[in-house]
């Protein structure tokens, strides 16, 4: 597992492709500014371990990981933690991948390169949905 504070050069030395390393570092920087607990799982196996040991409110996943695709992780998230929001990161621009992710249960899809405002909007939507659910449950 990659520590929450990671630099692009550390990730590349660890065998990660430069564009993927930059994506992860950019996400971590955005989340660091929001004072959130963030975890990076470079493989499906690591993500499954996180799902089993942590209560996650949101999962961001790109199309392909070294040991599988977002489809594998999306299936696991839906099976083990249906309340967890799944955000699909579309880096290749393939429209079919976007459609498949949304049909599979992803709540959001963001196109790379990511901008901080993209993440802000996803978080705001998640908070609004959470507030709506709480209000409905208490009514």
C-alpha atoms as a PDB file:
ATOM      1  CA  UNK A   1       0.000   0.000   0.000  1.00  0.00           C
ATOM      2  CA  UNK A   2       1.253   3.479  -0.833  1.00  0.00           C
ATOM      3  CA  UNK A   3       1.437   5.860   2.127  1.00  0.00           C
ATOM      4  CA  UNK A   4      -1.011   8.786   2.067  1.00  0.00           C
ATOM      5  CA  UNK A   5       1.839  11.227   1.437  1.00  0.00           C
ATOM      6  CA  UNK A   6       3.387  10.191  -1.854  1.00  0.00           C
ATOM      7  CA  UNK A   7       5.462  11.925  -4.492  1.00  0.00           C
ATOM      8  CA  UNK A   8       5.345  11.247  -8.201  1.00  0.00           C
ATOM      9  CA  UNK A   9       9.004  10.170  -8.342  1.00  0.00           C
ATOM     10  CA  UNK A  10       8.449   7.637  -5.510  1.00  0.00           C
ATOM     11  CA  UNK A  11       5.519   6.100  -7.349  1.00  0.00           C
ATOM     12  CA  UNK A  12       7.406   5.911 -10.662  1.00  0.00           C
ATOM     13  CA  UNK A  13      10.391   4.266  -8.936  1.00  0.00           C
ATOM     14  CA  UNK A  14       7.924   1.743  -7.528  1.00  0.00           C
ATOM     15  CA  UNK A  15       7.040   0.697 -11.083  1.00  0.00           C
ATOM     16  CA  UNK A  16       3.981   2.846 -11.731  1.00  0.00           C
ATOM     17  CA  UNK A  17       3.454   4.532 -15.093  1.00  0.00           C
ATOM     18  CA  UNK A  18       4.150   8.303 -14.936  1.00  0.00           C
ATOM     19  CA  UNK A  19       0.620   9.375 -15.943  1.00  0.00           C
ATOM     20  CA  UNK A  20      -0.936   7.144 -13.265  1.00  0.00           C
ATOM     21  CA  UNK A  21       1.505   8.399 -10.640  1.00  0.00           C
ATOM     22  CA  UNK A  22       0.610  12.005 -11.499  1.00  0.00           C
ATOM     23  CA  UNK A  23      -3.120  11.197 -11.246  1.00  0.00           C
ATOM     24  CA  UNK A  24      -2.715   9.660  -7.784  1.00  0.00           C
ATOM     25  CA  UNK A  25      -0.540  12.496  -6.495  1.00  0.00           C
ATOM     26  CA  UNK A  26      -3.000  15.060  -7.830  1.00  0.00           C
ATOM     27  CA  UNK A  27      -5.923  13.319  -6.075  1.00  0.00           C
ATOM     28  CA  UNK A  28      -3.975  13.127  -2.815  1.00  0.00           C
ATOM     29  CA  UNK A  29      -3.126  16.837  -2.981  1.00  0.00           C
ATOM     30  CA  UNK A  30      -6.767  17.741  -3.511  1.00  0.00           C
ATOM     31  CA  UNK A  31      -7.904  15.552  -0.613  1.00  0.00           C
ATOM     32  CA  UNK A  32      -5.093  16.792   1.624  1.00  0.00           C
ATOM     33  CA  UNK A  33      -6.436  20.338   1.268  1.00  0.00           C
ATOM     34  CA  UNK A  34      -9.869  19.079   2.373  1.00  0.00           C
ATOM     35  CA  UNK A  35      -8.539  17.454   5.560  1.00  0.00           C
ATOM     36  CA  UNK A  36      -9.862  14.020   4.672  1.00  0.00           C
ATOM     37  CA  UNK A  37      -8.500  10.575   5.375  1.00  0.00           C
ATOM     38  CA  UNK A  38      -7.282   9.261   2.040  1.00  0.00           C
ATOM     39  CA  UNK A  39      -5.913   5.869   1.096  1.00  0.00           C
ATOM     40  CA  UNK A  40      -4.283   4.752  -2.127  1.00  0.00           C
ATOM     41  CA  UNK A  41      -4.689   1.187  -3.304  1.00  0.00           C
ATOM     42  CA  UNK A  42      -2.560   0.558  -6.397  1.00  0.00           C
ATOM     43  CA  UNK A  43      -4.128  -2.843  -7.049  1.00  0.00           C
ATOM     44  CA  UNK A  44      -7.554  -4.451  -6.833  1.00  0.00           C
ATOM     45  CA  UNK A  45      -6.168  -6.726  -4.115  1.00  0.00           C
ATOM     46  CA  UNK A  46      -5.103  -3.722  -2.012  1.00  0.00           C
ATOM     47  CA  UNK A  47      -8.476  -2.055  -2.584  1.00  0.00           C
ATOM     48  CA  UNK A  48     -10.293  -5.197  -1.437  1.00  0.00           C
ATOM     49  CA  UNK A  49      -8.178  -5.232   1.709  1.00  0.00           C
ATOM     50  CA  UNK A  50      -9.145  -1.610   2.372  1.00  0.00           C
ATOM     51  CA  UNK A  51     -12.825  -2.378   1.804  1.00  0.00           C
ATOM     52  CA  UNK A  52     -12.604  -5.192   4.326  1.00  0.00           C
ATOM     53  CA  UNK A  53     -10.845  -3.150   7.020  1.00  0.00           C
ATOM     54  CA  UNK A  54     -12.027   0.454   6.558  1.00  0.00           C
ATOM     55  CA  UNK A  55     -15.377   2.164   6.388  1.00  0.00           C
ATOM     56  CA  UNK A  56     -15.102   4.126   3.147  1.00  0.00           C
ATOM     57  CA  UNK A  57     -17.556   6.796   2.112  1.00  0.00           C
ATOM     58  CA  UNK A  58     -16.176   7.187  -1.398  1.00  0.00           C
ATOM     59  CA  UNK A  59     -13.994   5.207  -3.810  1.00  0.00           C
ATOM     60  CA  UNK A  60     -12.226   6.727  -6.800  1.00  0.00           C
ATOM     61  CA  UNK A  61     -11.059   4.226  -9.401  1.00  0.00           C
ATOM     62  CA  UNK A  62      -9.512   4.556 -12.823  1.00  0.00           C
ATOM     63  CA  UNK A  63     -10.279   2.225 -15.738  1.00  0.00           C
ATOM     64  CA  UNK A  64      -7.389  -0.172 -15.337  1.00  0.00           C
ATOM     65  CA  UNK A  65      -5.274  -1.321 -12.442  1.00  0.00           C
ATOM     66  CA  UNK A  66      -2.323  -3.688 -12.664  1.00  0.00           C
ATOM     67  CA  UNK A  67      -4.392  -6.692 -11.568  1.00  0.00           C
ATOM     68  CA  UNK A  68      -7.817  -5.917 -13.005  1.00  0.00           C
ATOM     69  CA  UNK A  69     -10.252  -3.220 -13.998  1.00  0.00           C
ATOM     70  CA  UNK A  70     -12.680  -0.891 -12.297  1.00  0.00           C
ATOM     71  CA  UNK A  71     -15.432  -3.472 -13.039  1.00  0.00           C
ATOM     72  CA  UNK A  72     -13.889  -5.862 -10.502  1.00  0.00           C
ATOM     73  CA  UNK A  73     -13.720  -3.209  -7.802  1.00  0.00           C
ATOM     74  CA  UNK A  74     -17.150  -1.770  -8.603  1.00  0.00           C
ATOM     75  CA  UNK A  75     -18.677  -5.234  -8.162  1.00  0.00           C
ATOM     76  CA  UNK A  76     -16.925  -5.623  -4.806  1.00  0.00           C
ATOM     77  CA  UNK A  77     -18.000  -2.181  -3.587  1.00  0.00           C
ATOM     78  CA  UNK A  78     -21.626  -2.817  -4.532  1.00  0.00           C
ATOM     79  CA  UNK A  79     -21.568  -6.245  -2.829  1.00  0.00           C
ATOM     80  CA  UNK A  80     -19.801  -5.283   0.404  1.00  0.00           C
ATOM     81  CA  UNK A  81     -20.656  -1.619   0.901  1.00  0.00           C
ATOM     82  CA  UNK A  82     -23.617  -0.470  -1.200  1.00  0.00           C
ATOM     83  CA  UNK A  83     -23.692   2.960   0.496  1.00  0.00           C
ATOM     84  CA  UNK A  84     -20.139   3.744  -0.648  1.00  0.00           C
ATOM     85  CA  UNK A  85     -20.093   6.169  -3.576  1.00  0.00           C
ATOM     86  CA  UNK A  86     -18.077   4.904  -6.533  1.00  0.00           C
ATOM     87  CA  UNK A  87     -16.430   7.536  -8.716  1.00  0.00           C
ATOM     88  CA  UNK A  88     -15.066   6.316 -12.033  1.00  0.00           C
ATOM     89  CA  UNK A  89     -11.997   8.131 -13.389  1.00  0.00           C
ATOM     90  CA  UNK A  90     -12.110   8.118 -17.165  1.00  0.00           C
ATOM     91  CA  UNK A  91      -8.567   8.602 -18.404  1.00  0.00           C
ATOM     92  CA  UNK A  92      -8.797   7.119 -21.900  1.00  0.00           C
ATOM     93  CA  UNK A  93     -11.877   9.015 -22.999  1.00  0.00           C
ATOM     94  CA  UNK A  94     -13.665   5.852 -24.134  1.00  0.00           C
ATOM     95  CA  UNK A  95     -17.411   6.571 -24.128  1.00  0.00           C
ATOM     96  CA  UNK A  96     -18.287   2.870 -23.826  1.00  0.00           C
ATOM     97  CA  UNK A  97     -16.240   2.608 -20.626  1.00  0.00           C
ATOM     98  CA  UNK A  98     -18.196   5.540 -19.200  1.00  0.00           C
ATOM     99  CA  UNK A  99     -21.547   3.969 -20.087  1.00  0.00           C
ATOM    100  CA  UNK A 100     -20.535   0.584 -18.684  1.00  0.00           C
ATOM    101  CA  UNK A 101     -19.399   2.150 -15.392  1.00  0.00           C
ATOM    102  CA  UNK A 102     -22.633   4.091 -14.980  1.00  0.00           C
ATOM    103  CA  UNK A 103     -24.739   1.010 -15.803  1.00  0.00           C
ATOM    104  CA  UNK A 104     -22.672  -0.982 -13.316  1.00  0.00           C
ATOM    105  CA  UNK A 105     -23.519   1.332 -10.449  1.00  0.00           C
ATOM    106  CA  UNK A 106     -20.945   4.134 -10.432  1.00  0.00           C
ATOM    107  CA  UNK A 107     -22.510   7.320  -9.105  1.00  0.00           C
ATOM    108  CA  UNK A 108     -20.072   9.658 -10.837  1.00  0.00           C
ATOM    109  CA  UNK A 109     -17.585   9.683 -13.668  1.00  0.00           C
ATOM    110  CA  UNK A 110     -14.795  12.227 -13.962  1.00  0.00           C
ATOM    111  CA  UNK A 111     -12.624  12.787 -16.978  1.00  0.00           C
ATOM    112  CA  UNK A 112      -8.873  13.112 -16.547  1.00  0.00           C
ATOM    113  CA  UNK A 113      -6.981  15.335 -16.101  1.00  0.00           C
ATOM    114  CA  UNK A 114      -8.773  16.095 -12.861  1.00  0.00           C
ATOM    115  CA  UNK A 115      -9.321  19.608 -11.595  1.00  0.00           C
ATOM    116  CA  UNK A 116      -9.919  20.426  -7.921  1.00  0.00           C
ATOM    117  CA  UNK A 117     -13.360  21.773  -8.823  1.00  0.00           C
ATOM    118  CA  UNK A 118     -14.312  18.347 -10.240  1.00  0.00           C
ATOM    119  CA  UNK A 119     -13.594  16.755  -6.867  1.00  0.00           C
ATOM    120  CA  UNK A 120     -15.350  19.585  -5.022  1.00  0.00           C
ATOM    121  CA  UNK A 121     -18.527  19.030  -7.041  1.00  0.00           C
ATOM    122  CA  UNK A 122     -18.498  15.282  -6.382  1.00  0.00           C
ATOM    123  CA  UNK A 123     -18.047  15.885  -2.652  1.00  0.00           C
ATOM    124  CA  UNK A 124     -20.821  18.506  -2.552  1.00  0.00           C
ATOM    125  CA  UNK A 125     -23.201  16.138  -4.363  1.00  0.00           C
ATOM    126  CA  UNK A 126     -22.307  13.346  -1.927  1.00  0.00           C
ATOM    127  CA  UNK A 127     -22.965  15.603   1.083  1.00  0.00           C
ATOM    128  CA  UNK A 128     -26.307  16.746  -0.329  1.00  0.00           C
ATOM    129  CA  UNK A 129     -27.374  13.157  -0.947  1.00  0.00           C
ATOM    130  CA  UNK A 130     -26.317  12.183   2.558  1.00  0.00           C
ATOM    131  CA  UNK A 131     -28.317  15.087   4.018  1.00  0.00           C
ATOM    132  CA  UNK A 132     -31.392  14.066   1.994  1.00  0.00           C
ATOM    133  CA  UNK A 133     -31.143  10.488   3.273  1.00  0.00           C
ATOM    134  CA  UNK A 134     -30.806  11.656   6.872  1.00  0.00           C
ATOM    135  CA  UNK A 135     -33.794  13.971   6.544  1.00  0.00           C
ATOM    136  CA  UNK A 136     -35.909  11.199   4.989  1.00  0.00           C
ATOM    137  CA  UNK A 137     -34.897   8.736   7.699  1.00  0.00           C
ATOM    138  CA  UNK A 138     -35.746  11.143  10.519  1.00  0.00           C
ATOM    139  CA  UNK A 139     -39.115  12.149   9.018  1.00  0.00           C
END
